[in-house]
N, C-alpha and C. Protein backbone atom coordinates (compact mmCIF):
# COMPACT_ATOMS: atom_id res chain seq x y z
N UNK A 1 -4.88 -1.24 6.24
CA UNK A 1 -3.51 -0.75 6.21
C UNK A 1 -3.48 0.63 6.88
N UNK A 2 -2.54 0.83 7.81
CA UNK A 2 -2.45 2.14 8.48
C UNK A 2 -2.11 3.26 7.49
N UNK A 3 -2.54 4.46 7.82
CA UNK A 3 -2.28 5.64 7.00
C UNK A 3 -1.57 6.66 7.88
N UNK A 4 -0.53 7.30 7.33
CA UNK A 4 0.20 8.34 8.05
C UNK A 4 0.18 9.63 7.26
N UNK A 5 0.24 10.74 7.98
CA UNK A 5 0.38 12.04 7.34
C UNK A 5 1.76 12.13 6.71
N UNK A 6 1.83 12.62 5.49
CA UNK A 6 3.12 12.78 4.81
C UNK A 6 4.05 13.70 5.61
N UNK A 7 3.47 14.65 6.31
CA UNK A 7 4.29 15.60 7.07
C UNK A 7 5.04 14.94 8.23
N UNK A 8 4.61 13.76 8.63
CA UNK A 8 5.28 13.05 9.72
C UNK A 8 6.27 12.00 9.25
N UNK A 9 6.53 11.98 7.95
CA UNK A 9 7.42 10.97 7.36
C UNK A 9 8.67 11.67 6.84
N UNK A 10 9.82 11.06 7.10
CA UNK A 10 11.10 11.61 6.63
C UNK A 10 11.72 10.66 5.61
N UNK A 11 12.54 11.21 4.70
CA UNK A 11 13.26 10.36 3.74
C UNK A 11 14.19 9.40 4.47
N UNK A 12 14.67 8.38 3.80
CA UNK A 12 15.57 7.41 4.44
C UNK A 12 16.86 8.08 4.91
N UNK A 13 17.38 7.57 6.01
CA UNK A 13 18.63 8.08 6.59
C UNK A 13 19.76 7.99 5.58
N UNK A 14 19.86 6.86 4.93
CA UNK A 14 20.88 6.68 3.89
C UNK A 14 20.18 6.41 2.57
N UNK A 15 20.24 7.36 1.68
CA UNK A 15 19.58 7.20 0.38
C UNK A 15 20.42 6.34 -0.54
N UNK A 16 19.78 5.37 -1.15
CA UNK A 16 20.46 4.44 -2.04
C UNK A 16 20.64 5.02 -3.44
N UNK A 17 19.75 5.89 -3.82
CA UNK A 17 19.79 6.44 -5.17
C UNK A 17 20.02 7.94 -5.08
N UNK A 18 20.98 8.42 -5.86
CA UNK A 18 21.25 9.86 -5.88
C UNK A 18 20.19 10.60 -6.69
N UNK A 19 19.68 9.95 -7.72
CA UNK A 19 18.71 10.57 -8.60
C UNK A 19 17.49 9.65 -8.66
N UNK A 20 16.36 10.13 -8.19
CA UNK A 20 15.17 9.28 -8.18
C UNK A 20 14.48 9.23 -9.55
N UNK A 21 15.00 9.99 -10.50
CA UNK A 21 14.45 9.95 -11.85
C UNK A 21 13.12 10.65 -11.95
N UNK A 22 12.53 10.56 -13.11
CA UNK A 22 11.23 11.19 -13.35
C UNK A 22 10.14 10.44 -12.59
N UNK A 23 9.25 11.20 -12.02
CA UNK A 23 8.13 10.61 -11.29
C UNK A 23 6.83 10.68 -12.08
N UNK A 24 6.89 11.17 -13.31
CA UNK A 24 5.67 11.40 -14.08
C UNK A 24 4.83 10.14 -14.28
N UNK A 25 5.45 9.04 -14.70
CA UNK A 25 4.69 7.80 -14.91
C UNK A 25 4.12 7.28 -13.60
N UNK A 26 4.92 7.33 -12.56
CA UNK A 26 4.45 6.87 -11.25
C UNK A 26 3.29 7.74 -10.76
N UNK A 27 3.41 9.04 -10.91
CA UNK A 27 2.33 9.94 -10.49
C UNK A 27 1.05 9.67 -11.28
N UNK A 28 1.19 9.44 -12.58
CA UNK A 28 0.01 9.15 -13.41
C UNK A 28 -0.66 7.85 -12.93
N UNK A 29 0.16 6.85 -12.66
CA UNK A 29 -0.37 5.58 -12.17
C UNK A 29 -1.08 5.77 -10.82
N UNK A 30 -0.45 6.53 -9.94
CA UNK A 30 -1.05 6.75 -8.62
C UNK A 30 -2.34 7.56 -8.73
N UNK A 31 -2.42 8.48 -9.68
CA UNK A 31 -3.65 9.24 -9.90
C UNK A 31 -4.77 8.32 -10.36
N UNK A 32 -4.44 7.42 -11.28
CA UNK A 32 -5.46 6.55 -11.88
C UNK A 32 -5.82 5.36 -11.00
N UNK A 33 -4.80 4.74 -10.40
CA UNK A 33 -5.02 3.48 -9.67
C UNK A 33 -4.92 3.60 -8.16
N UNK A 34 -4.42 4.73 -7.68
CA UNK A 34 -4.16 4.87 -6.26
C UNK A 34 -2.80 4.25 -5.93
N UNK A 35 -2.51 4.12 -4.68
CA UNK A 35 -1.25 3.54 -4.24
C UNK A 35 -1.41 2.02 -4.23
N UNK A 36 -0.68 1.33 -5.09
CA UNK A 36 -0.82 -0.12 -5.20
C UNK A 36 -0.02 -0.87 -4.15
N UNK A 37 1.03 -0.25 -3.64
CA UNK A 37 1.86 -0.88 -2.62
C UNK A 37 2.23 0.18 -1.59
N UNK A 38 1.93 -0.07 -0.31
CA UNK A 38 2.26 0.94 0.71
C UNK A 38 3.78 1.13 0.82
N UNK A 39 4.17 2.28 1.35
CA UNK A 39 5.59 2.47 1.62
C UNK A 39 5.91 1.78 2.95
N UNK A 40 7.16 1.42 3.13
CA UNK A 40 7.61 0.77 4.37
C UNK A 40 8.31 1.83 5.20
N UNK A 41 7.91 1.96 6.46
CA UNK A 41 8.50 2.95 7.36
C UNK A 41 8.88 2.31 8.68
N UNK A 42 9.75 3.03 9.42
CA UNK A 42 10.08 2.63 10.79
C UNK A 42 10.04 3.88 11.65
N UNK A 43 9.81 3.70 12.94
CA UNK A 43 9.78 4.82 13.87
C UNK A 43 11.21 5.17 14.27
N UNK A 44 11.54 6.45 14.13
CA UNK A 44 12.84 6.97 14.54
C UNK A 44 12.55 8.29 15.25
N UNK A 45 12.79 8.29 16.55
CA UNK A 45 12.46 9.51 17.30
C UNK A 45 10.97 9.80 17.22
N UNK A 46 10.64 11.04 16.92
CA UNK A 46 9.24 11.43 16.88
C UNK A 46 8.61 11.38 15.50
N UNK A 47 9.25 10.70 14.56
CA UNK A 47 8.69 10.63 13.21
C UNK A 47 8.88 9.24 12.62
N UNK A 48 8.34 9.06 11.43
CA UNK A 48 8.54 7.81 10.69
C UNK A 48 9.56 8.07 9.60
N UNK A 49 10.44 7.11 9.39
CA UNK A 49 11.48 7.21 8.35
C UNK A 49 11.20 6.16 7.29
N UNK A 50 11.36 6.55 6.04
CA UNK A 50 11.12 5.62 4.94
C UNK A 50 12.22 4.56 4.91
N UNK A 51 11.81 3.32 4.83
CA UNK A 51 12.71 2.19 4.65
C UNK A 51 12.70 1.79 3.18
N UNK A 52 11.52 1.75 2.58
CA UNK A 52 11.35 1.43 1.16
C UNK A 52 10.13 2.17 0.64
N UNK A 53 10.29 2.76 -0.54
CA UNK A 53 9.17 3.46 -1.15
C UNK A 53 9.38 4.97 -1.26
N UNK A 54 10.64 5.39 -1.29
CA UNK A 54 10.94 6.82 -1.36
C UNK A 54 10.32 7.48 -2.59
N UNK A 55 10.36 6.83 -3.76
CA UNK A 55 9.77 7.41 -4.97
C UNK A 55 8.25 7.54 -4.83
N UNK A 56 7.60 6.56 -4.23
CA UNK A 56 6.14 6.64 -4.02
C UNK A 56 5.80 7.80 -3.08
N UNK A 57 6.63 7.98 -2.05
CA UNK A 57 6.46 9.08 -1.12
C UNK A 57 6.60 10.43 -1.85
N UNK A 58 7.65 10.56 -2.65
CA UNK A 58 7.89 11.81 -3.38
C UNK A 58 6.76 12.09 -4.38
N UNK A 59 6.29 11.04 -5.05
CA UNK A 59 5.18 11.21 -5.98
C UNK A 59 3.92 11.68 -5.23
N UNK A 60 3.66 11.10 -4.08
CA UNK A 60 2.50 11.50 -3.28
C UNK A 60 2.61 12.97 -2.88
N UNK A 61 3.80 13.39 -2.48
CA UNK A 61 4.01 14.81 -2.15
C UNK A 61 3.70 15.70 -3.35
N UNK A 62 4.25 15.33 -4.51
CA UNK A 62 4.04 16.14 -5.71
C UNK A 62 2.58 16.15 -6.14
N UNK A 63 1.85 15.09 -5.83
CA UNK A 63 0.43 15.04 -6.16
C UNK A 63 -0.43 15.82 -5.17
N UNK A 64 0.20 16.27 -4.07
CA UNK A 64 -0.53 17.03 -3.08
C UNK A 64 -1.29 16.19 -2.07
N UNK A 65 -0.97 14.90 -2.03
CA UNK A 65 -1.62 14.04 -1.05
C UNK A 65 -1.21 14.48 0.36
N UNK A 66 -2.10 14.32 1.30
CA UNK A 66 -1.81 14.67 2.70
C UNK A 66 -1.38 13.45 3.52
N UNK A 67 -1.77 12.26 3.06
CA UNK A 67 -1.43 11.04 3.79
C UNK A 67 -1.18 9.91 2.82
N UNK A 68 -0.58 8.82 3.36
CA UNK A 68 -0.22 7.68 2.52
C UNK A 68 -0.30 6.41 3.36
N UNK A 69 -0.64 5.32 2.70
CA UNK A 69 -0.67 4.02 3.38
C UNK A 69 0.76 3.57 3.66
N UNK A 70 0.94 2.98 4.84
CA UNK A 70 2.28 2.53 5.24
C UNK A 70 2.22 1.12 5.82
N UNK A 71 3.35 0.48 5.75
CA UNK A 71 3.59 -0.78 6.46
C UNK A 71 4.73 -0.47 7.41
N UNK A 72 4.47 -0.54 8.70
CA UNK A 72 5.49 -0.16 9.69
C UNK A 72 6.26 -1.38 10.16
N UNK A 73 7.59 -1.25 10.18
CA UNK A 73 8.47 -2.32 10.64
C UNK A 73 9.33 -1.80 11.79
N UNK A 74 9.73 -2.69 12.65
CA UNK A 74 10.60 -2.35 13.78
C UNK A 74 11.97 -2.93 13.48
N UNK A 75 12.84 -2.13 12.85
CA UNK A 75 14.14 -2.61 12.42
C UNK A 75 15.23 -1.60 12.77
N UNK A 76 16.45 -2.10 12.89
CA UNK A 76 17.60 -1.23 13.13
C UNK A 76 18.12 -0.68 11.80
N UNK A 77 19.18 0.14 11.87
CA UNK A 77 19.74 0.75 10.66
C UNK A 77 20.17 -0.28 9.64
N UNK A 78 20.81 -1.35 10.10
CA UNK A 78 21.31 -2.38 9.19
C UNK A 78 20.16 -3.04 8.43
N UNK A 79 19.15 -3.46 9.15
CA UNK A 79 18.01 -4.14 8.52
C UNK A 79 17.24 -3.19 7.61
N UNK A 80 17.11 -1.93 8.01
CA UNK A 80 16.44 -0.94 7.17
C UNK A 80 17.19 -0.79 5.85
N UNK A 81 18.52 -0.74 5.91
CA UNK A 81 19.33 -0.63 4.71
C UNK A 81 19.15 -1.85 3.83
N UNK A 82 19.14 -3.04 4.43
CA UNK A 82 18.97 -4.29 3.67
C UNK A 82 17.61 -4.34 2.98
N UNK A 83 16.56 -3.91 3.65
CA UNK A 83 15.22 -3.92 3.06
C UNK A 83 15.16 -2.96 1.87
N UNK A 84 15.66 -1.75 2.05
CA UNK A 84 15.66 -0.78 0.97
C UNK A 84 16.49 -1.24 -0.21
N UNK A 85 17.65 -1.81 0.07
CA UNK A 85 18.52 -2.30 -0.98
C UNK A 85 17.87 -3.46 -1.74
N UNK A 86 17.27 -4.37 -1.01
CA UNK A 86 16.60 -5.52 -1.64
C UNK A 86 15.50 -5.05 -2.58
N UNK A 87 14.68 -4.11 -2.13
CA UNK A 87 13.60 -3.62 -2.99
C UNK A 87 14.16 -2.97 -4.25
N UNK A 88 15.19 -2.16 -4.11
CA UNK A 88 15.77 -1.49 -5.28
C UNK A 88 16.43 -2.48 -6.23
N UNK A 89 17.08 -3.51 -5.71
CA UNK A 89 17.71 -4.52 -6.57
C UNK A 89 16.62 -5.32 -7.30
N UNK A 90 15.57 -5.71 -6.60
CA UNK A 90 14.50 -6.47 -7.24
C UNK A 90 13.79 -5.67 -8.32
N UNK A 91 13.64 -4.39 -8.12
CA UNK A 91 12.97 -3.53 -9.10
C UNK A 91 13.93 -3.07 -10.20
N UNK A 92 15.21 -3.39 -10.03
CA UNK A 92 16.24 -2.97 -10.99
C UNK A 92 16.19 -1.47 -11.22
N UNK A 93 16.08 -0.73 -10.12
CA UNK A 93 15.92 0.72 -10.23
C UNK A 93 17.20 1.51 -9.95
N UNK A 94 18.28 0.80 -9.64
CA UNK A 94 19.55 1.48 -9.37
C UNK A 94 20.50 1.24 -10.54
N UNK A 95 21.33 2.25 -10.83
CA UNK A 95 22.33 2.01 -11.86
C UNK A 95 23.55 1.32 -11.22
N UNK A 96 24.48 0.91 -12.04
CA UNK A 96 25.61 0.11 -11.57
C UNK A 96 26.48 0.88 -10.56
N UNK A 97 26.60 2.19 -10.73
CA UNK A 97 27.39 3.01 -9.80
C UNK A 97 26.68 3.09 -8.45
N UNK A 98 25.37 3.32 -8.46
CA UNK A 98 24.61 3.37 -7.22
C UNK A 98 24.69 2.04 -6.49
N UNK A 99 24.58 0.93 -7.23
CA UNK A 99 24.71 -0.38 -6.61
C UNK A 99 26.09 -0.53 -5.97
N UNK A 100 27.14 -0.17 -6.71
CA UNK A 100 28.49 -0.29 -6.19
C UNK A 100 28.69 0.51 -4.92
N UNK A 101 28.17 1.72 -4.89
CA UNK A 101 28.27 2.56 -3.68
C UNK A 101 27.53 1.93 -2.52
N UNK A 102 26.34 1.41 -2.80
CA UNK A 102 25.54 0.78 -1.74
C UNK A 102 26.23 -0.47 -1.21
N UNK A 103 26.79 -1.28 -2.09
CA UNK A 103 27.48 -2.50 -1.67
C UNK A 103 28.71 -2.15 -0.85
N UNK A 104 29.45 -1.14 -1.27
CA UNK A 104 30.64 -0.71 -0.53
C UNK A 104 30.26 -0.15 0.84
N UNK A 105 29.18 0.62 0.88
CA UNK A 105 28.69 1.17 2.14
C UNK A 105 28.38 0.04 3.12
N UNK A 106 27.71 -0.98 2.63
CA UNK A 106 27.32 -2.11 3.48
C UNK A 106 28.53 -2.90 3.97
N UNK A 107 29.43 -3.25 3.04
CA UNK A 107 30.53 -4.14 3.41
C UNK A 107 31.71 -3.41 4.04
N UNK A 108 32.01 -2.21 3.59
CA UNK A 108 33.22 -1.51 4.06
C UNK A 108 32.92 -0.37 5.02
N UNK A 109 32.14 0.60 4.56
CA UNK A 109 31.89 1.79 5.38
C UNK A 109 31.25 1.44 6.71
N UNK A 110 30.17 0.68 6.67
CA UNK A 110 29.46 0.31 7.89
C UNK A 110 29.94 -1.01 8.49
N UNK A 111 30.58 -1.84 7.68
CA UNK A 111 31.04 -3.13 8.18
C UNK A 111 29.90 -4.03 8.62
N UNK A 112 28.76 -3.94 7.93
CA UNK A 112 27.60 -4.75 8.30
C UNK A 112 27.80 -6.23 8.03
N UNK A 113 28.68 -6.57 7.10
CA UNK A 113 28.89 -7.97 6.78
C UNK A 113 29.75 -8.13 5.54
N UNK A 114 30.12 -9.36 5.30
CA UNK A 114 30.96 -9.68 4.15
C UNK A 114 30.11 -9.73 2.87
N UNK A 115 30.78 -9.79 1.75
CA UNK A 115 30.11 -9.90 0.45
C UNK A 115 29.15 -11.09 0.45
N UNK A 116 29.58 -12.20 1.02
CA UNK A 116 28.72 -13.40 1.04
C UNK A 116 27.45 -13.15 1.86
N UNK A 117 27.57 -12.42 2.96
CA UNK A 117 26.39 -12.08 3.78
C UNK A 117 25.42 -11.22 2.99
N UNK A 118 25.95 -10.19 2.35
CA UNK A 118 25.11 -9.28 1.59
C UNK A 118 24.44 -10.01 0.43
N UNK A 119 25.19 -10.83 -0.29
CA UNK A 119 24.63 -11.57 -1.42
C UNK A 119 23.45 -12.43 -0.98
N UNK A 120 23.61 -13.12 0.12
CA UNK A 120 22.55 -13.98 0.64
C UNK A 120 21.32 -13.15 1.05
N UNK A 121 21.54 -12.01 1.67
CA UNK A 121 20.44 -11.21 2.17
C UNK A 121 19.62 -10.55 1.07
N UNK A 122 20.28 -10.16 -0.02
CA UNK A 122 19.54 -9.45 -1.08
C UNK A 122 19.24 -10.33 -2.29
N UNK A 123 19.67 -11.60 -2.25
CA UNK A 123 19.30 -12.55 -3.28
C UNK A 123 20.04 -12.42 -4.60
N UNK A 124 21.32 -12.07 -4.53
CA UNK A 124 22.15 -12.02 -5.75
C UNK A 124 23.41 -12.84 -5.48
N UNK A 125 24.19 -13.07 -6.53
CA UNK A 125 25.41 -13.85 -6.36
C UNK A 125 26.53 -12.97 -5.78
N UNK A 126 27.51 -13.62 -5.17
CA UNK A 126 28.68 -12.90 -4.67
C UNK A 126 29.40 -12.21 -5.83
N UNK A 127 29.46 -12.87 -6.98
CA UNK A 127 30.11 -12.29 -8.16
C UNK A 127 29.41 -11.00 -8.57
N UNK A 128 28.08 -10.99 -8.52
CA UNK A 128 27.31 -9.79 -8.87
C UNK A 128 27.77 -8.62 -8.00
N UNK A 129 27.93 -8.86 -6.72
CA UNK A 129 28.35 -7.80 -5.80
C UNK A 129 29.81 -7.42 -6.05
N UNK A 130 30.68 -8.39 -6.14
CA UNK A 130 32.11 -8.11 -6.34
C UNK A 130 32.35 -7.31 -7.63
N UNK A 131 31.60 -7.61 -8.68
CA UNK A 131 31.76 -6.91 -9.95
C UNK A 131 31.37 -5.43 -9.86
N UNK A 132 30.63 -5.07 -8.82
CA UNK A 132 30.14 -3.69 -8.69
C UNK A 132 30.79 -2.92 -7.54
N UNK A 133 31.51 -3.62 -6.67
CA UNK A 133 32.12 -2.93 -5.52
C UNK A 133 33.03 -1.81 -5.97
N UNK A 134 32.95 -0.70 -5.28
CA UNK A 134 33.80 0.44 -5.56
C UNK A 134 34.89 0.48 -4.49
N UNK A 135 36.15 0.41 -4.93
CA UNK A 135 37.24 0.37 -3.93
C UNK A 135 37.36 1.66 -3.16
């Protein structure tokens, strides 16, 4: 697995979560077990941007790590957003307001696709998305 210097990695362009929460348990796990899953990054300009794994990146910074394992993908803004959103939905790490904002951003602000498109891409029902959309 490739390794990148943390100094060459930037947070995601559009953050899905306003509050990443406490990193103490994650940091403890990373100290004891190492990084169990690499972060996902894409090349943007002269640096790498996080697509998925922002909390792991932040924990690594707080632990004083100089580098981290990465999985690099070649994706556009839309696909990067979908990957990050899918990971957060699967991990159930976003609250209902954050989900609603993310769903609205995808369907309305950016016009990436309809509710049905988003539901199919992230593996939830259309009702799940509609119940959380913020007008």
